[in-house]
Amino acid sequence: MHPILLLLLLASAALAQTSAPSNVRGGRYPLIHPDRSVTFQIKAPTAKSVQILPAGNDNGMGKGPYTLSPAQPEGTWTGTIPPVRPGFHYYSVLIDGFPANDPNSETYFGWAKPTSGLEVPDPALDFYEAKPVPHGDIRIHHYHSTVTGQVRRAFVYTPPNYDNNPKQRYPVLYLQHGSGESERGWTAQGRANFILDNLLSAGKAQPMIIVMEQGYAIRKGSSSEPGARGNEAFPDVVIQDLIPHIDKTCRTKPDRNSRALAGLSMGAGQATRIALANPKLFGYVGAFSGASPSSVDPKTAAEAKFRLLWIGYGELDGRYNGGKELHQVLDKAGVAHTWFEGPGSHEWQVWRKHLHAFAPLLFR
């Protein structure tokens, strides 16, 4: 092959490859190819084996583990895994069988620990990307909980121009993460702030405050019982501490018709149970990949008369059948609700779509 033609082909291939947006600053790997296969490169000079292990069974990276090949004498290990579904995926690096984080990627709190994450862009979707539109702020609220006896932390999104309109008051969406994640999940992994920025800029949603708290809480003076999840006191934290704090420190509209509660997976179960037990506090409820007949009683839901009861699932989710069964039970009982299904599994790309579909229906 002519040298110039070879250079042109190499240049074209290089342009077609992109470093993952989840890489650390200046990091080249993981490297995403046009077919969404991904090349990893790990430097481990003394290792005998290096593998990439996707987290969980519903991971869009596939099951793995994927074995990398050594390159001597540089001490680097390189390998390409099959095409990955667009979206965000947790993974770890196995070095001689020991799980570690990838130093090339950012870490996110998932699986109850800081975990490497891979973001694969979707060429067909950009509603969760940062665009040149007015942006809201993410504020960190520390407050004392009477339930836990500890200082807790909430992430609070305020819409664009919140500080420029001191007389305007706003409805509030309380938005919860899933099991093993934290109050950072909906911004770091879910990009909730950019989703709302883009919806607001397009005039598709009402300006709102979003409150994101940690869904784990143990009551003051008690310890978790064997088998407990450590979230048993969270409903009381929401009702007794969090809502009063937000209503006191933010310019909210403190009424039922201006208050929504939603969450994903574990957070979906928390949202439905808390709202059904406190129908005078919440007018809107959203369950993303987490509602089932065991968490939503049709009679109680009918009596609550929510302005919106929204249930969504990815069609590949292992929990999908439970959600579809709930949808059918509510239909049979004549309980007004919205059912949303689409491609994807138990993953952040699905929950981003859920928030994008749910938020425009609020506070109308």
Protein backbone atom coordinates (compact mmCIF):
# COMPACT_ATOMS: atom_id res chain seq x y z
CA MET A 1 0.00 0.00 0.00
CA HIS A 2 1.25 3.46 -0.84
CA PRO A 3 2.62 5.22 2.31
CA ILE A 4 0.38 8.28 1.82
CA LEU A 5 -2.73 6.12 1.46
CA LEU A 6 -1.76 4.21 4.59
CA LEU A 7 -1.36 7.46 6.53
CA LEU A 8 -4.77 8.63 5.33
CA LEU A 9 -6.40 5.37 6.41
CA LEU A 10 -4.74 5.54 9.82
CA ALA A 11 -5.81 9.16 10.23
CA SER A 12 -9.39 8.29 9.27
CA ALA A 13 -9.47 5.43 11.79
CA ALA A 14 -8.08 7.69 14.50
CA LEU A 15 -10.78 10.29 13.85
CA ALA A 16 -13.46 7.62 14.05
CA GLN A 17 -12.29 6.53 17.50
CA THR A 18 -13.20 8.62 20.52
CA SER A 19 -12.04 8.58 24.10
CA ALA A 20 -14.90 7.85 26.48
CA PRO A 21 -16.37 11.02 28.05
CA SER A 22 -16.06 9.24 31.40
CA ASN A 23 -12.26 9.10 31.11
CA VAL A 24 -10.11 11.08 33.51
CA ARG A 25 -8.88 14.40 32.15
CA GLY A 26 -6.55 13.79 29.23
CA GLY A 27 -7.10 10.02 29.29
CA ARG A 28 -7.13 8.23 25.93
CA TYR A 29 -8.47 4.90 27.17
CA PRO A 30 -11.09 3.46 27.29
CA LEU A 31 -11.32 4.11 23.57
CA ILE A 32 -14.69 3.80 21.80
CA HIS A 33 -14.78 2.58 18.19
CA PRO A 34 -17.48 3.37 15.59
CA ASP A 35 -19.24 0.05 16.23
CA ARG A 36 -19.19 0.85 19.99
CA SER A 37 -16.63 -1.83 20.75
CA VAL A 38 -14.31 -0.47 23.43
CA THR A 39 -10.55 -0.85 23.86
CA PHE A 40 -9.12 -0.83 27.37
CA GLN A 41 -5.48 -0.36 28.30
CA ILE A 42 -4.15 -0.98 31.80
CA LYS A 43 -0.56 -0.58 32.97
CA ALA A 44 0.29 -3.42 35.36
CA PRO A 45 3.94 -4.48 34.85
CA THR A 46 3.97 -7.26 37.48
CA ALA A 47 0.52 -8.69 36.82
CA LYS A 48 -0.01 -12.22 35.55
CA SER A 49 -3.53 -11.55 34.30
CA VAL A 50 -5.72 -8.48 33.74
CA GLN A 51 -9.44 -8.60 32.99
CA ILE A 52 -12.35 -6.17 32.59
CA LEU A 53 -15.37 -7.19 34.68
CA PRO A 54 -18.75 -5.52 34.04
CA ALA A 55 -20.79 -5.06 37.21
CA GLY A 56 -24.04 -6.98 37.59
CA ASN A 57 -26.14 -9.07 35.24
CA ASP A 58 -27.92 -6.19 33.51
CA ASN A 59 -24.76 -4.40 32.42
CA GLY A 60 -24.70 -3.08 28.86
CA MET A 61 -21.04 -4.09 28.58
CA GLY A 62 -22.00 -7.76 28.57
CA LYS A 63 -21.21 -10.43 31.12
CA GLY A 64 -17.43 -10.73 30.88
CA PRO A 65 -14.91 -10.98 32.30
CA TYR A 66 -12.88 -9.92 29.28
CA THR A 67 -9.22 -10.87 29.29
CA LEU A 68 -6.63 -8.30 28.15
CA SER A 69 -3.39 -9.24 26.43
CA PRO A 70 0.06 -8.22 27.73
CA ALA A 71 2.47 -6.07 25.78
CA GLN A 72 6.07 -6.32 26.89
CA PRO A 73 8.32 -4.64 27.83
CA GLU A 74 5.96 -1.70 28.43
CA GLY A 75 3.96 -3.60 31.04
CA THR A 76 0.63 -2.60 29.52
CA TRP A 77 -2.37 -4.84 28.95
CA THR A 78 -4.71 -4.12 26.08
CA GLY A 79 -7.93 -5.61 24.80
CA THR A 80 -11.14 -4.75 22.97
CA ILE A 81 -14.56 -5.87 24.22
CA PRO A 82 -17.64 -6.40 22.01
CA PRO A 83 -19.98 -3.49 21.18
CA VAL A 84 -21.47 -1.85 24.27
CA ARG A 85 -24.98 -0.44 24.64
CA PRO A 86 -25.07 3.36 24.72
CA GLY A 87 -25.29 4.82 28.20
CA PHE A 88 -23.52 4.52 31.53
CA HIS A 89 -22.09 1.23 32.86
CA TYR A 90 -20.19 0.22 36.01
CA TYR A 91 -17.15 -2.04 35.77
CA SER A 92 -13.95 -3.04 37.55
CA VAL A 93 -10.49 -4.26 36.58
CA LEU A 94 -9.39 -7.67 37.83
CA ILE A 95 -5.63 -7.76 38.38
CA ASP A 96 -4.60 -11.30 39.22
CA GLY A 97 -8.18 -11.80 40.37
CA PHE A 98 -8.21 -8.75 42.66
CA PRO A 99 -10.93 -6.17 41.80
CA ALA A 100 -9.67 -2.63 41.36
CA ASN A 101 -10.81 0.60 39.76
CA ASP A 102 -9.55 1.65 36.35
CA PRO A 103 -7.14 4.60 36.85
CA ASN A 104 -8.08 5.79 33.36
CA SER A 105 -11.77 6.30 34.22
CA GLU A 106 -13.67 8.46 36.65
CA THR A 107 -15.19 6.68 39.64
CA TYR A 108 -18.83 6.92 40.70
CA PHE A 109 -20.53 5.75 43.86
CA GLY A 110 -22.24 2.53 42.85
CA TRP A 111 -22.44 -0.99 44.25
CA ALA A 112 -21.90 0.59 47.69
CA LYS A 113 -18.39 1.79 46.84
CA PRO A 114 -16.50 4.04 44.44
CA THR A 115 -16.66 2.17 41.14
CA SER A 116 -15.29 2.80 37.64
CA GLY A 117 -17.84 3.95 35.09
CA LEU A 118 -17.94 3.88 31.31
CA GLU A 119 -20.10 6.35 29.39
CA VAL A 120 -20.83 5.38 25.77
CA PRO A 121 -22.52 8.22 23.84
CA ASP A 122 -25.72 7.51 21.95
CA PRO A 123 -25.66 9.18 18.50
CA ALA A 124 -29.46 9.27 18.52
CA LEU A 125 -29.93 10.92 21.94
CA ASP A 126 -28.57 14.09 23.46
CA PHE A 127 -31.29 15.21 25.87
CA TYR A 128 -28.99 14.54 28.85
CA GLU A 129 -25.92 16.29 27.45
CA ALA A 130 -24.69 19.71 28.60
CA LYS A 131 -25.82 22.16 25.93
CA PRO A 132 -25.35 25.94 25.50
CA VAL A 133 -28.57 26.75 27.37
CA PRO A 134 -29.19 28.44 30.75
CA HIS A 135 -28.07 26.14 33.53
CA GLY A 136 -29.40 25.58 37.00
CA ASP A 137 -27.22 25.09 40.07
CA ILE A 138 -26.47 22.06 42.20
CA ARG A 139 -26.36 23.10 45.86
CA ILE A 140 -25.29 20.96 48.79
CA HIS A 141 -27.52 21.17 51.85
CA HIS A 142 -26.28 19.86 55.20
CA TYR A 143 -28.96 19.55 57.84
CA HIS A 144 -29.47 17.84 61.18
CA SER A 145 -31.84 14.88 61.24
CA THR A 146 -33.93 14.39 64.36
CA VAL A 147 -34.60 10.83 63.19
CA THR A 148 -30.99 9.67 62.84
CA GLY A 149 -29.38 12.15 65.21
CA GLN A 150 -26.80 12.92 62.53
CA VAL A 151 -26.00 15.60 59.99
CA ARG A 152 -27.19 14.52 56.55
CA ARG A 153 -26.50 15.82 53.06
CA ALA A 154 -28.86 16.52 50.17
CA PHE A 155 -28.05 17.66 46.65
CA VAL A 156 -30.50 20.32 45.51
CA TYR A 157 -31.02 21.48 41.93
CA THR A 158 -32.36 25.00 41.54
CA PRO A 159 -33.51 26.08 38.07
CA PRO A 160 -31.85 28.82 35.98
CA ASN A 161 -32.41 32.34 37.30
CA TYR A 162 -33.46 31.04 40.73
CA ASP A 163 -31.37 33.73 42.43
CA ASN A 164 -32.56 36.47 40.07
CA ASN A 165 -36.23 36.03 41.01
CA PRO A 166 -36.30 36.28 44.82
CA LYS A 167 -40.09 36.46 44.95
CA GLN A 168 -40.79 33.41 42.80
CA ARG A 169 -41.58 30.13 44.51
CA TYR A 170 -41.17 26.69 42.98
CA PRO A 171 -42.64 23.18 43.13
CA VAL A 172 -40.33 20.41 44.33
CA LEU A 173 -39.45 16.97 42.98
CA TYR A 174 -37.85 14.65 45.55
CA LEU A 175 -35.79 12.24 43.43
CA GLN A 176 -34.16 9.09 44.84
CA HIS A 177 -31.28 6.89 43.68
CA GLY A 178 -31.07 3.09 43.60
CA SER A 179 -29.56 0.45 45.86
CA GLY A 180 -25.84 0.86 46.56
CA GLU A 181 -25.78 4.40 45.17
CA SER A 182 -25.90 7.80 46.85
CA GLU A 183 -27.34 11.30 46.68
CA ARG A 184 -24.75 12.06 43.98
CA GLY A 185 -26.18 9.45 41.60
CA TRP A 186 -28.81 11.50 39.82
CA THR A 187 -26.31 14.21 38.86
CA ALA A 188 -23.07 12.23 38.36
CA GLN A 189 -24.59 9.20 36.65
CA GLY A 190 -28.07 10.38 35.73
CA ARG A 191 -27.34 13.95 34.60
CA ALA A 192 -30.66 15.11 36.02
CA ASN A 193 -29.54 18.73 36.07
CA PHE A 194 -28.77 18.76 32.34
CA ILE A 195 -31.99 16.92 31.55
CA LEU A 196 -33.97 19.63 33.34
CA ASP A 197 -31.88 22.45 31.87
CA ASN A 198 -32.65 21.21 28.36
CA LEU A 199 -36.34 20.62 29.05
CA LEU A 200 -36.72 24.07 30.58
CA SER A 201 -34.89 25.74 27.71
CA ALA A 202 -37.26 24.03 25.25
CA GLY A 203 -40.31 25.05 27.29
CA LYS A 204 -41.24 21.42 27.92
CA ALA A 205 -41.23 21.44 31.74
CA GLN A 206 -42.19 23.70 34.58
CA PRO A 207 -39.32 25.30 36.54
CA MET A 208 -38.81 23.18 39.64
CA ILE A 209 -36.47 22.40 42.49
CA ILE A 210 -35.12 18.85 42.63
CA VAL A 211 -33.97 17.36 45.94
CA MET A 212 -31.74 14.28 45.94
CA GLU A 213 -30.98 12.64 49.30
CA GLN A 214 -29.24 9.45 50.39
CA GLY A 215 -31.82 6.69 50.67
CA TYR A 216 -30.20 5.03 53.68
CA ALA A 217 -31.01 5.96 57.27
CA ILE A 218 -30.76 4.20 60.64
CA ARG A 219 -32.82 5.48 63.54
CA LYS A 220 -30.95 7.22 66.36
CA GLY A 221 -30.00 4.82 69.13
CA SER A 222 -30.59 1.67 67.08
CA SER A 223 -28.52 -0.57 64.87
CA SER A 224 -29.49 -2.46 61.75
CA GLU A 225 -30.94 -5.88 62.37
CA PRO A 226 -29.50 -8.90 60.53
CA GLY A 227 -30.76 -8.81 56.98
CA ALA A 228 -31.85 -5.15 57.18
CA ARG A 229 -30.91 -2.86 54.30
CA GLY A 230 -30.04 0.10 56.50
CA ASN A 231 -32.79 2.25 54.98
CA GLU A 232 -35.58 1.46 57.42
CA ALA A 233 -35.75 4.99 58.88
CA PHE A 234 -35.60 6.80 55.55
CA PRO A 235 -39.37 7.43 55.24
CA ASP A 236 -39.34 9.23 58.59
CA VAL A 237 -36.30 11.25 57.52
CA VAL A 238 -38.20 12.44 54.43
CA ILE A 239 -41.37 13.37 56.30
CA GLN A 240 -39.98 14.68 59.58
CA ASP A 241 -36.66 16.23 58.51
CA LEU A 242 -36.04 16.63 54.80
CA ILE A 243 -39.29 18.24 53.62
CA PRO A 244 -39.40 20.70 56.55
CA HIS A 245 -35.75 21.64 55.89
CA ILE A 246 -36.31 22.21 52.17
CA ASP A 247 -39.50 24.21 52.76
CA LYS A 248 -37.64 26.36 55.30
CA THR A 249 -34.46 27.01 53.32
CA CYS A 250 -35.70 27.04 49.69
CA ARG A 251 -38.43 29.07 48.04
CA THR A 252 -40.87 26.20 47.68
CA LYS A 253 -44.60 25.97 47.18
CA PRO A 254 -45.27 23.86 50.28
CA ASP A 255 -48.44 22.10 49.21
CA ARG A 256 -49.45 18.69 47.87
CA ASN A 257 -50.04 19.82 44.30
CA SER A 258 -46.52 21.29 44.17
CA ARG A 259 -44.70 18.27 45.57
CA ALA A 260 -43.60 15.13 43.70
CA LEU A 261 -41.71 12.03 44.82
CA ALA A 262 -39.91 9.66 42.45
CA GLY A 263 -37.00 7.26 42.36
CA LEU A 264 -35.31 4.42 40.55
CA SER A 265 -35.15 0.75 41.62
CA MET A 266 -34.86 0.85 45.44
CA GLY A 267 -35.80 4.52 45.25
CA ALA A 268 -38.92 3.65 43.25
CA GLY A 269 -40.10 1.35 46.01
CA GLN A 270 -39.36 4.04 48.57
CA ALA A 271 -41.21 6.66 46.56
CA THR A 272 -44.40 4.62 46.15
CA ARG A 273 -44.48 3.45 49.77
CA ILE A 274 -43.81 6.90 51.24
CA ALA A 275 -46.32 8.62 48.95
CA LEU A 276 -49.05 6.04 49.53
CA ALA A 277 -48.58 6.42 53.28
CA ASN A 278 -48.68 10.23 53.02
CA PRO A 279 -51.09 11.12 50.21
CA LYS A 280 -51.76 14.56 51.68
CA LEU A 281 -48.12 15.52 51.10
CA PHE A 282 -47.54 14.33 47.51
CA GLY A 283 -49.60 14.91 44.39
CA TYR A 284 -47.24 13.21 41.93
CA VAL A 285 -45.42 9.87 42.16
CA GLY A 286 -42.89 8.30 39.77
CA ALA A 287 -41.52 4.76 39.95
CA PHE A 288 -38.60 4.02 37.61
CA SER A 289 -37.89 0.27 37.35
CA GLY A 290 -39.02 -0.50 40.86
CA ALA A 291 -42.80 -0.67 41.29
CA SER A 292 -44.59 -4.00 41.65
CA PRO A 293 -47.86 -5.37 43.04
CA SER A 294 -46.10 -5.77 46.40
CA SER A 295 -45.29 -2.05 46.61
CA VAL A 296 -48.50 -0.50 45.26
CA ASP A 297 -51.90 -1.55 46.59
CA PRO A 298 -54.59 -0.64 44.04
CA LYS A 299 -57.18 0.30 46.67
CA THR A 300 -54.75 2.56 48.50
CA ALA A 301 -53.62 4.11 45.21
CA ALA A 302 -57.21 4.81 44.22
CA GLU A 303 -57.92 6.47 47.57
CA ALA A 304 -54.76 8.60 47.32
CA LYS A 305 -56.05 10.25 44.11
CA PHE A 306 -52.62 11.29 42.90
CA ARG A 307 -52.55 13.82 40.10
CA LEU A 308 -50.03 11.50 38.45
CA LEU A 309 -48.94 7.94 39.19
CA TRP A 310 -46.17 7.14 36.69
CA ILE A 311 -44.56 3.69 36.26
CA GLY A 312 -41.73 2.91 33.85
CA TYR A 313 -39.53 -0.08 32.97
CA GLY A 314 -36.95 -1.16 30.43
CA GLU A 315 -38.14 -4.15 28.41
CA LEU A 316 -34.95 -6.14 29.11
CA ASP A 317 -35.11 -5.53 32.85
CA GLY A 318 -35.34 -8.70 34.92
CA ARG A 319 -37.98 -6.92 37.02
CA TYR A 320 -40.08 -5.94 33.98
CA ASN A 321 -42.74 -8.62 34.43
CA GLY A 322 -43.51 -7.38 37.95
CA GLY A 323 -43.98 -3.85 36.65
CA LYS A 324 -46.18 -4.99 33.77
CA GLU A 325 -48.27 -7.03 36.21
CA LEU A 326 -48.78 -3.95 38.39
CA HIS A 327 -49.82 -1.95 35.32
CA GLN A 328 -52.42 -4.60 34.48
CA VAL A 329 -53.67 -4.80 38.09
CA LEU A 330 -54.11 -1.03 38.22
CA ASP A 331 -55.88 -1.04 34.87
CA LYS A 332 -58.28 -3.73 36.05
CA ALA A 333 -58.96 -1.78 39.25
CA GLY A 334 -59.59 1.43 37.30
CA VAL A 335 -56.71 3.31 38.94
CA ALA A 336 -55.51 6.15 36.73
CA HIS A 337 -51.79 5.88 35.99
CA THR A 338 -49.22 6.24 33.23
CA TRP A 339 -47.30 3.17 32.01
CA PHE A 340 -44.02 3.72 30.15
CA GLU A 341 -41.85 1.02 28.61
CA GLY A 342 -38.99 1.06 26.17
CA PRO A 343 -35.69 -0.57 25.21
CA GLY A 344 -32.99 -1.17 27.79
CA SER A 345 -32.39 -2.96 31.03
CA HIS A 346 -31.86 -2.01 34.69
CA GLU A 347 -29.49 0.82 33.85
CA TRP A 348 -28.99 4.57 33.92
CA GLN A 349 -29.78 5.11 30.25
CA VAL A 350 -33.30 3.85 30.94
CA TRP A 351 -33.71 6.03 34.04
CA ARG A 352 -32.50 9.11 32.18
CA LYS A 353 -35.29 8.45 29.67
CA HIS A 354 -37.75 8.00 32.51
CA LEU A 355 -36.91 11.36 34.07
CA HIS A 356 -37.04 12.98 30.65
CA ALA A 357 -40.57 11.62 30.11
CA PHE A 358 -41.77 12.13 33.70
CA ALA A 359 -40.63 15.70 34.42
CA PRO A 360 -42.73 17.41 31.67
CA LEU A 361 -45.91 15.95 33.23
CA LEU A 362 -45.31 17.53 36.63
CA PHE A 363 -47.00 20.59 38.12
CA ARG A 364 -49.22 21.34 35.15
